[in-house]
Amino acid sequence: MDEKEWIEIEDLSGEKTKVEVITYLASEDDTRKYIVYTKNEIKDDVDYVIYVSKLFKDGDTYKLKEITDDTEWRYVQRLMKKIANAR
């Protein structure tokens, strides 16, 4: 059984939250990295809420950035579908 990976993220106000990493994604040309994670929030008493953010290194730390571009978001969705279909 795979061991879960937990990381701590800090929002712009300085509030820290532990989240569970579901997976990491990389663009096909390996120039962009993404993280898929959850705070273990349950939606509709069945499904977990998941988050996807762009992941980039800034000095010695990693930062997350919201994906706001529709084209990039559709691309990330295709990356996630490839993983889902591979399992």
PDB file of N, CA and C in Angstrom:
ATOM      1  N   MET A   1       0.844  -1.183   0.000  1.00  0.00           N
ATOM      2  CA  MET A   1       0.000   0.000   0.000  1.00  0.00           C
ATOM      3  C   MET A   1       0.888   1.245   0.000  1.00  0.00           C
ATOM      4  N   ASP A   2       0.541   2.202  -0.842  1.00  0.00           N
ATOM      5  CA  ASP A   2       1.320   3.431  -0.942  1.00  0.00           C
ATOM      6  C   ASP A   2       1.139   4.291   0.297  1.00  0.00           C
ATOM      7  N   GLU A   3       2.231   4.891   0.743  1.00  0.00           N
ATOM      8  CA  GLU A   3       2.159   5.808   1.871  1.00  0.00           C
ATOM      9  C   GLU A   3       1.735   7.171   1.358  1.00  0.00           C
ATOM     10  N   LYS A   4       0.854   7.836   2.097  1.00  0.00           N
ATOM     11  CA  LYS A   4       0.367   9.143   1.685  1.00  0.00           C
ATOM     12  C   LYS A   4       1.443  10.195   1.911  1.00  0.00           C
ATOM     13  N   GLU A   5       1.477  11.165   1.008  1.00  0.00           N
ATOM     14  CA  GLU A   5       2.407  12.281   1.147  1.00  0.00           C
ATOM     15  C   GLU A   5       1.626  13.511   1.587  1.00  0.00           C
ATOM     16  N   TRP A   6       2.089  14.130   2.663  1.00  0.00           N
ATOM     17  CA  TRP A   6       1.471  15.336   3.196  1.00  0.00           C
ATOM     18  C   TRP A   6       2.467  16.475   3.086  1.00  0.00           C
ATOM     19  N   ILE A   7       1.981  17.642   2.700  1.00  0.00           N
ATOM     20  CA  ILE A   7       2.822  18.834   2.675  1.00  0.00           C
ATOM     21  C   ILE A   7       2.066  19.961   3.372  1.00  0.00           C
ATOM     22  N   GLU A   8       2.782  20.978   3.728  1.00  0.00           N
ATOM     23  CA  GLU A   8       2.157  22.139   4.341  1.00  0.00           C
ATOM     24  C   GLU A   8       2.216  23.286   3.349  1.00  0.00           C
ATOM     25  N   ILE A   9       1.067  23.896   3.117  1.00  0.00           N
ATOM     26  CA  ILE A   9       1.031  25.057   2.234  1.00  0.00           C
ATOM     27  C   ILE A   9       0.674  26.279   3.060  1.00  0.00           C
ATOM     28  N   GLU A  10       1.125  27.418   2.601  1.00  0.00           N
ATOM     29  CA  GLU A  10       0.861  28.675   3.292  1.00  0.00           C
ATOM     30  C   GLU A  10       0.216  29.633   2.308  1.00  0.00           C
ATOM     31  N   ASP A  11      -0.920  30.190   2.691  1.00  0.00           N
ATOM     32  CA  ASP A  11      -1.592  31.124   1.788  1.00  0.00           C
ATOM     33  C   ASP A  11      -0.996  32.527   1.946  1.00  0.00           C
ATOM     34  N   LEU A  12      -1.505  33.464   1.176  1.00  0.00           N
ATOM     35  CA  LEU A  12      -0.947  34.816   1.167  1.00  0.00           C
ATOM     36  C   LEU A  12      -1.080  35.537   2.501  1.00  0.00           C
ATOM     37  N   SER A  13      -2.034  35.119   3.315  1.00  0.00           N
ATOM     38  CA  SER A  13      -2.207  35.754   4.629  1.00  0.00           C
ATOM     39  C   SER A  13      -1.308  35.120   5.688  1.00  0.00           C
ATOM     40  N   GLY A  14      -0.578  34.066   5.305  1.00  0.00           N
ATOM     41  CA  GLY A  14       0.318  33.397   6.246  1.00  0.00           C
ATOM     42  C   GLY A  14      -0.296  32.198   6.938  1.00  0.00           C
ATOM     43  N   GLU A  15      -1.572  31.893   6.648  1.00  0.00           N
ATOM     44  CA  GLU A  15      -2.225  30.734   7.255  1.00  0.00           C
ATOM     45  C   GLU A  15      -1.692  29.449   6.627  1.00  0.00           C
ATOM     46  N   LYS A  16      -1.293  28.500   7.472  1.00  0.00           N
ATOM     47  CA  LYS A  16      -0.728  27.235   6.994  1.00  0.00           C
ATOM     48  C   LYS A  16      -1.754  26.123   7.101  1.00  0.00           C
ATOM     49  N   THR A  17      -1.752  25.241   6.092  1.00  0.00           N
ATOM     50  CA  THR A  17      -2.678  24.125   6.033  1.00  0.00           C
ATOM     51  C   THR A  17      -1.935  22.893   5.556  1.00  0.00           C
ATOM     52  N   LYS A  18      -2.177  21.751   6.218  1.00  0.00           N
ATOM     53  CA  LYS A  18      -1.614  20.487   5.753  1.00  0.00           C
ATOM     54  C   LYS A  18      -2.546  19.914   4.700  1.00  0.00           C
ATOM     55  N   VAL A  19      -1.963  19.484   3.579  1.00  0.00           N
ATOM     56  CA  VAL A  19      -2.755  18.902   2.502  1.00  0.00           C
ATOM     57  C   VAL A  19      -2.128  17.585   2.087  1.00  0.00           C
ATOM     58  N   GLU A  20      -2.947  16.723   1.523  1.00  0.00           N
ATOM     59  CA  GLU A  20      -2.474  15.435   1.028  1.00  0.00           C
ATOM     60  C   GLU A  20      -2.221  15.535  -0.478  1.00  0.00           C
ATOM     61  N   VAL A  21      -1.020  15.171  -0.886  1.00  0.00           N
ATOM     62  CA  VAL A  21      -0.673  15.184  -2.300  1.00  0.00           C
ATOM     63  C   VAL A  21      -1.289  13.956  -2.963  1.00  0.00           C
ATOM     64  N   ILE A  22      -2.031  14.184  -4.034  1.00  0.00           N
ATOM     65  CA  ILE A  22      -2.596  13.084  -4.807  1.00  0.00           C
ATOM     66  C   ILE A  22      -1.596  12.664  -5.881  1.00  0.00           C
ATOM     67  N   THR A  23      -1.093  13.650  -6.614  1.00  0.00           N
ATOM     68  CA  THR A  23      -0.091  13.354  -7.635  1.00  0.00           C
ATOM     69  C   THR A  23       0.556  14.648  -8.104  1.00  0.00           C
ATOM     70  N   TYR A  24       1.650  14.492  -8.794  1.00  0.00           N
ATOM     71  CA  TYR A  24       2.313  15.593  -9.476  1.00  0.00           C
ATOM     72  C   TYR A  24       2.176  15.343 -10.966  1.00  0.00           C
ATOM     73  N   LEU A  25       2.068  16.397 -11.739  1.00  0.00           N
ATOM     74  CA  LEU A  25       1.974  16.304 -13.196  1.00  0.00           C
ATOM     75  C   LEU A  25       3.048  17.175 -13.820  1.00  0.00           C
ATOM     76  N   ALA A  26       3.478  16.795 -15.011  1.00  0.00           N
ATOM     77  CA  ALA A  26       4.415  17.612 -15.780  1.00  0.00           C
ATOM     78  C   ALA A  26       3.890  17.720 -17.195  1.00  0.00           C
ATOM     79  N   SER A  27       4.094  18.885 -17.789  1.00  0.00           N
ATOM     80  CA  SER A  27       3.692  19.055 -19.183  1.00  0.00           C
ATOM     81  C   SER A  27       4.530  18.110 -20.043  1.00  0.00           C
ATOM     82  N   GLU A  28       4.038  17.819 -21.226  1.00  0.00           N
ATOM     83  CA  GLU A  28       4.739  16.880 -22.101  1.00  0.00           C
ATOM     84  C   GLU A  28       6.146  17.343 -22.444  1.00  0.00           C
ATOM     85  N   ASP A  29       6.371  18.663 -22.499  1.00  0.00           N
ATOM     86  CA  ASP A  29       7.711  19.179 -22.771  1.00  0.00           C
ATOM     87  C   ASP A  29       8.497  19.429 -21.481  1.00  0.00           C
ATOM     88  N   ASP A  30       7.909  19.073 -20.348  1.00  0.00           N
ATOM     89  CA  ASP A  30       8.523  19.155 -19.019  1.00  0.00           C
ATOM     90  C   ASP A  30       8.900  20.582 -18.608  1.00  0.00           C
ATOM     91  N   THR A  31       8.218  21.570 -19.161  1.00  0.00           N
ATOM     92  CA  THR A  31       8.510  22.959 -18.785  1.00  0.00           C
ATOM     93  C   THR A  31       7.579  23.481 -17.696  1.00  0.00           C
ATOM     94  N   ARG A  32       6.459  22.804 -17.492  1.00  0.00           N
ATOM     95  CA  ARG A  32       5.507  23.227 -16.463  1.00  0.00           C
ATOM     96  C   ARG A  32       5.207  22.052 -15.546  1.00  0.00           C
ATOM     97  N   LYS A  33       5.084  22.338 -14.262  1.00  0.00           N
ATOM     98  CA  LYS A  33       4.783  21.318 -13.256  1.00  0.00           C
ATOM     99  C   LYS A  33       3.482  21.696 -12.548  1.00  0.00           C
ATOM    100  N   TYR A  34       2.751  20.672 -12.134  1.00  0.00           N
ATOM    101  CA  TYR A  34       1.484  20.883 -11.456  1.00  0.00           C
ATOM    102  C   TYR A  34       1.391  19.930 -10.266  1.00  0.00           C
ATOM    103  N   ILE A  35       0.573  20.313  -9.307  1.00  0.00           N
ATOM    104  CA  ILE A  35       0.319  19.459  -8.149  1.00  0.00           C
ATOM    105  C   ILE A  35      -1.188  19.298  -8.005  1.00  0.00           C
ATOM    106  N   VAL A  36      -1.609  18.074  -7.729  1.00  0.00           N
ATOM    107  CA  VAL A  36      -3.011  17.759  -7.466  1.00  0.00           C
ATOM    108  C   VAL A  36      -3.062  17.344  -5.997  1.00  0.00           C
ATOM    109  N   TYR A  37      -3.908  18.027  -5.217  1.00  0.00           N
ATOM    110  CA  TYR A  37      -3.930  17.744  -3.784  1.00  0.00           C
ATOM    111  C   TYR A  37      -5.338  17.892  -3.218  1.00  0.00           C
ATOM    112  N   THR A  38      -5.498  17.435  -1.988  1.00  0.00           N
ATOM    113  CA  THR A  38      -6.784  17.528  -1.313  1.00  0.00           C
ATOM    114  C   THR A  38      -6.581  17.960   0.132  1.00  0.00           C
ATOM    115  N   LYS A  39      -7.585  18.618   0.650  1.00  0.00           N
ATOM    116  CA  LYS A  39      -7.628  18.964   2.076  1.00  0.00           C
ATOM    117  C   LYS A  39      -8.554  17.989   2.803  1.00  0.00           C
ATOM    118  N   ASN A  40      -8.927  16.912   2.098  1.00  0.00           N
ATOM    119  CA  ASN A  40      -9.840  15.881   2.603  1.00  0.00           C
ATOM    120  C   ASN A  40     -11.212  16.436   2.959  1.00  0.00           C
ATOM    121  N   GLU A  41     -11.652  17.414   2.179  1.00  0.00           N
ATOM    122  CA  GLU A  41     -13.005  17.947   2.315  1.00  0.00           C
ATOM    123  C   GLU A  41     -13.935  17.067   1.480  1.00  0.00           C
ATOM    124  N   ILE A  42     -15.094  16.745   2.017  1.00  0.00           N
ATOM    125  CA  ILE A  42     -16.040  15.899   1.296  1.00  0.00           C
ATOM    126  C   ILE A  42     -17.166  16.759   0.750  1.00  0.00           C
ATOM    127  N   LYS A  43     -17.432  16.557  -0.543  1.00  0.00           N
ATOM    128  CA  LYS A  43     -18.508  17.278  -1.225  1.00  0.00           C
ATOM    129  C   LYS A  43     -19.640  16.294  -1.484  1.00  0.00           C
ATOM    130  N   ASP A  44     -20.834  16.673  -1.230  1.00  0.00           N
ATOM    131  CA  ASP A  44     -22.014  15.841  -1.514  1.00  0.00           C
ATOM    132  C   ASP A  44     -21.981  14.503  -0.777  1.00  0.00           C
ATOM    133  N   ASP A  45     -21.329  14.444   0.373  1.00  0.00           N
ATOM    134  CA  ASP A  45     -21.237  13.223   1.190  1.00  0.00           C
ATOM    135  C   ASP A  45     -20.596  12.044   0.463  1.00  0.00           C
ATOM    136  N   VAL A  46     -19.971  12.294  -0.695  1.00  0.00           N
ATOM    137  CA  VAL A  46     -19.391  11.190  -1.452  1.00  0.00           C
ATOM    138  C   VAL A  46     -17.998  11.532  -1.969  1.00  0.00           C
ATOM    139  N   ASP A  47     -17.884  12.614  -2.687  1.00  0.00           N
ATOM    140  CA  ASP A  47     -16.661  12.950  -3.397  1.00  0.00           C
ATOM    141  C   ASP A  47     -15.770  13.887  -2.590  1.00  0.00           C
ATOM    142  N   TYR A  48     -14.460  13.676  -2.725  1.00  0.00           N
ATOM    143  CA  TYR A  48     -13.496  14.600  -2.134  1.00  0.00           C
ATOM    144  C   TYR A  48     -13.266  15.778  -3.073  1.00  0.00           C
ATOM    145  N   VAL A  49     -13.065  16.935  -2.502  1.00  0.00           N
ATOM    146  CA  VAL A  49     -12.712  18.121  -3.276  1.00  0.00           C
ATOM    147  C   VAL A  49     -11.217  18.027  -3.558  1.00  0.00           C
ATOM    148  N   ILE A  50     -10.837  18.209  -4.815  1.00  0.00           N
ATOM    149  CA  ILE A  50      -9.418  18.222  -5.149  1.00  0.00           C
ATOM    150  C   ILE A  50      -9.047  19.591  -5.703  1.00  0.00           C
ATOM    151  N   TYR A  51      -7.782  19.917  -5.554  1.00  0.00           N
ATOM    152  CA  TYR A  51      -7.248  21.187  -6.030  1.00  0.00           C
ATOM    153  C   TYR A  51      -6.101  20.885  -6.979  1.00  0.00           C
ATOM    154  N   VAL A  52      -5.953  21.737  -7.974  1.00  0.00           N
ATOM    155  CA  VAL A  52      -4.841  21.622  -8.917  1.00  0.00           C
ATOM    156  C   VAL A  52      -4.219  23.004  -9.038  1.00  0.00           C
ATOM    157  N   SER A  53      -2.908  23.053  -8.879  1.00  0.00           N
ATOM    158  CA  SER A  53      -2.191  24.326  -8.979  1.00  0.00           C
ATOM    159  C   SER A  53      -0.914  24.137  -9.776  1.00  0.00           C
ATOM    160  N   LYS A  54      -0.470  25.221 -10.357  1.00  0.00           N
ATOM    161  CA  LYS A  54       0.836  25.231 -11.009  1.00  0.00           C
ATOM    162  C   LYS A  54       1.879  25.249  -9.895  1.00  0.00           C
ATOM    163  N   LEU A  55       2.941  24.480 -10.047  1.00  0.00           N
ATOM    164  CA  LEU A  55       3.987  24.358  -9.036  1.00  0.00           C
ATOM    165  C   LEU A  55       5.279  24.890  -9.627  1.00  0.00           C
ATOM    166  N   PHE A  56       5.927  25.808  -8.905  1.00  0.00           N
ATOM    167  CA  PHE A  56       7.194  26.315  -9.408  1.00  0.00           C
ATOM    168  C   PHE A  56       8.134  26.603  -8.252  1.00  0.00           C
ATOM    169  N   LYS A  57       9.421  26.558  -8.550  1.00  0.00           N
ATOM    170  CA  LYS A  57      10.435  26.782  -7.530  1.00  0.00           C
ATOM    171  C   LYS A  57      10.826  28.252  -7.522  1.00  0.00           C
ATOM    172  N   ASP A  58      10.903  28.820  -6.318  1.00  0.00           N
ATOM    173  CA  ASP A  58      11.289  30.210  -6.125  1.00  0.00           C
ATOM    174  C   ASP A  58      12.373  30.215  -5.051  1.00  0.00           C
ATOM    175  N   GLY A  59      13.614  30.218  -5.481  1.00  0.00           N
ATOM    176  CA  GLY A  59      14.713  30.113  -4.527  1.00  0.00           C
ATOM    177  C   GLY A  59      14.741  28.723  -3.927  1.00  0.00           C
ATOM    178  N   ASP A  60      14.671  28.650  -2.603  1.00  0.00           N
ATOM    179  CA  ASP A  60      14.703  27.362  -1.914  1.00  0.00           C
ATOM    180  C   ASP A  60      13.326  26.806  -1.608  1.00  0.00           C
ATOM    181  N   THR A  61      12.276  27.503  -2.008  1.00  0.00           N
ATOM    182  CA  THR A  61      10.923  27.047  -1.694  1.00  0.00           C
ATOM    183  C   THR A  61      10.134  26.810  -2.972  1.00  0.00           C
ATOM    184  N   TYR A  62       9.086  26.021  -2.819  1.00  0.00           N
ATOM    185  CA  TYR A  62       8.150  25.810  -3.914  1.00  0.00           C
ATOM    186  C   TYR A  62       6.922  26.660  -3.665  1.00  0.00           C
ATOM    187  N   LYS A  63       6.361  27.173  -4.736  1.00  0.00           N
ATOM    188  CA  LYS A  63       5.154  27.997  -4.639  1.00  0.00           C
ATOM    189  C   LYS A  63       4.084  27.433  -5.560  1.00  0.00           C
ATOM    190  N   LEU A  64       2.846  27.721  -5.194  1.00  0.00           N
ATOM    191  CA  LEU A  64       1.701  27.312  -5.990  1.00  0.00           C
ATOM    192  C   LEU A  64       1.078  28.536  -6.623  1.00  0.00           C
ATOM    193  N   LYS A  65       0.599  28.361  -7.833  1.00  0.00           N
ATOM    194  CA  LYS A  65      -0.073  29.451  -8.526  1.00  0.00           C
ATOM    195  C   LYS A  65      -1.364  28.912  -9.128  1.00  0.00           C
ATOM    196  N   GLU A  66      -2.414  29.668  -8.968  1.00  0.00           N
ATOM    197  CA  GLU A  66      -3.709  29.293  -9.525  1.00  0.00           C
ATOM    198  C   GLU A  66      -3.633  29.246 -11.050  1.00  0.00           C
ATOM    199  N   ILE A  67      -4.314  28.283 -11.633  1.00  0.00           N
ATOM    200  CA  ILE A  67      -4.400  28.175 -13.090  1.00  0.00           C
ATOM    201  C   ILE A  67      -5.606  28.996 -13.519  1.00  0.00           C
ATOM    202  N   THR A  68      -5.359  30.120 -14.169  1.00  0.00           N
ATOM    203  CA  THR A  68      -6.451  31.017 -14.557  1.00  0.00           C
ATOM    204  C   THR A  68      -6.716  31.013 -16.058  1.00  0.00           C
ATOM    205  N   ASP A  69      -5.796  30.486 -16.828  1.00  0.00           N
ATOM    206  CA  ASP A  69      -5.933  30.454 -18.283  1.00  0.00           C
ATOM    207  C   ASP A  69      -6.751  29.220 -18.688  1.00  0.00           C
ATOM    208  N   ASP A  70      -7.845  29.426 -19.426  1.00  0.00           N
ATOM    209  CA  ASP A  70      -8.721  28.318 -19.827  1.00  0.00           C
ATOM    210  C   ASP A  70      -7.998  27.280 -20.677  1.00  0.00           C
ATOM    211  N   THR A  71      -7.128  27.712 -21.566  1.00  0.00           N
ATOM    212  CA  THR A  71      -6.394  26.780 -22.418  1.00  0.00           C
ATOM    213  C   THR A  71      -5.469  25.910 -21.569  1.00  0.00           C
ATOM    214  N   GLU A  72      -4.785  26.520 -20.629  1.00  0.00           N
ATOM    215  CA  GLU A  72      -3.901  25.746 -19.756  1.00  0.00           C
ATOM    216  C   GLU A  72      -4.714  24.784 -18.892  1.00  0.00           C
ATOM    217  N   TRP A  73      -5.851  25.221 -18.392  1.00  0.00           N
ATOM    218  CA  TRP A  73      -6.684  24.356 -17.572  1.00  0.00           C
ATOM    219  C   TRP A  73      -7.163  23.142 -18.359  1.00  0.00           C
ATOM    220  N   ARG A  74      -7.560  23.330 -19.612  1.00  0.00           N
ATOM    221  CA  ARG A  74      -7.979  22.193 -20.448  1.00  0.00           C
ATOM    222  C   ARG A  74      -6.806  21.241 -20.676  1.00  0.00           C
ATOM    223  N   TYR A  75      -5.608  21.789 -20.839  1.00  0.00           N
ATOM    224  CA  TYR A  75      -4.415  20.971 -21.012  1.00  0.00           C
ATOM    225  C   TYR A  75      -4.168  20.115 -19.759  1.00  0.00           C
ATOM    226  N   VAL A  76      -4.271  20.713 -18.591  1.00  0.00           N
ATOM    227  CA  VAL A  76      -4.069  19.985 -17.327  1.00  0.00           C
ATOM    228  C   VAL A  76      -5.138  18.902 -17.174  1.00  0.00           C
ATOM    229  N   GLN A  77      -6.354  19.193 -17.554  1.00  0.00           N
ATOM    230  CA  GLN A  77      -7.411  18.184 -17.502  1.00  0.00           C
ATOM    231  C   GLN A  77      -7.065  16.987 -18.387  1.00  0.00           C
ATOM    232  N   ARG A  78      -6.493  17.233 -19.572  1.00  0.00           N
ATOM    233  CA  ARG A  78      -6.073  16.141 -20.448  1.00  0.00           C
ATOM    234  C   ARG A  78      -4.970  15.318 -19.782  1.00  0.00           C
ATOM    235  N   LEU A  79      -4.025  15.980 -19.098  1.00  0.00           N
ATOM    236  CA  LEU A  79      -2.970  15.259 -18.384  1.00  0.00           C
ATOM    237  C   LEU A  79      -3.573  14.361 -17.299  1.00  0.00           C
ATOM    238  N   MET A  80      -4.549  14.876 -16.582  1.00  0.00           N
ATOM    239  CA  MET A  80      -5.187  14.084 -15.513  1.00  0.00           C
ATOM    240  C   MET A  80      -5.955  12.898 -16.105  1.00  0.00           C
ATOM    241  N   LYS A  81      -6.615  13.093 -17.248  1.00  0.00           N
ATOM    242  CA  LYS A  81      -7.358  12.011 -17.879  1.00  0.00           C
ATOM    243  C   LYS A  81      -6.423  10.897 -18.333  1.00  0.00           C
ATOM    244  N   LYS A  82      -5.228  11.265 -18.794  1.00  0.00           N
ATOM    245  CA  LYS A  82      -4.249  10.233 -19.194  1.00  0.00           C
ATOM    246  C   LYS A  82      -3.895   9.345 -18.015  1.00  0.00           C
ATOM    247  N   ILE A  83      -3.704   9.945 -16.858  1.00  0.00           N
ATOM    248  CA  ILE A  83      -3.388   9.177 -15.660  1.00  0.00           C
ATOM    249  C   ILE A  83      -4.560   8.295 -15.265  1.00  0.00           C
ATOM    250  N   ALA A  84      -5.765   8.860 -15.289  1.00  0.00           N
ATOM    251  CA  ALA A  84      -6.955   8.093 -14.899  1.00  0.00           C
ATOM    252  C   ALA A  84      -7.168   6.905 -15.823  1.00  0.00           C
ATOM    253  N   ASN A  85      -6.914   7.086 -17.107  1.00  0.00           N
ATOM    254  CA  ASN A  85      -7.102   5.997 -18.068  1.00  0.00           C
ATOM    255  C   ASN A  85      -5.994   4.958 -18.008  1.00  0.00           C
ATOM    256  N   ALA A  86      -4.842   5.328 -17.464  1.00  0.00           N
ATOM    257  CA  ALA A  86      -3.705   4.415 -17.380  1.00  0.00           C
ATOM    258  C   ALA A  86      -3.844   3.448 -16.198  1.00  0.00           C
ATOM    259  N   ARG A  87      -4.709   3.757 -15.255  1.00  0.00           N
ATOM    260  CA  ARG A  87      -4.827   2.929 -14.039  1.00  0.00           C
ATOM    261  C   ARG A  87      -5.812   1.827 -14.221  1.00  0.00           C
TER     262      ARG A  87
END
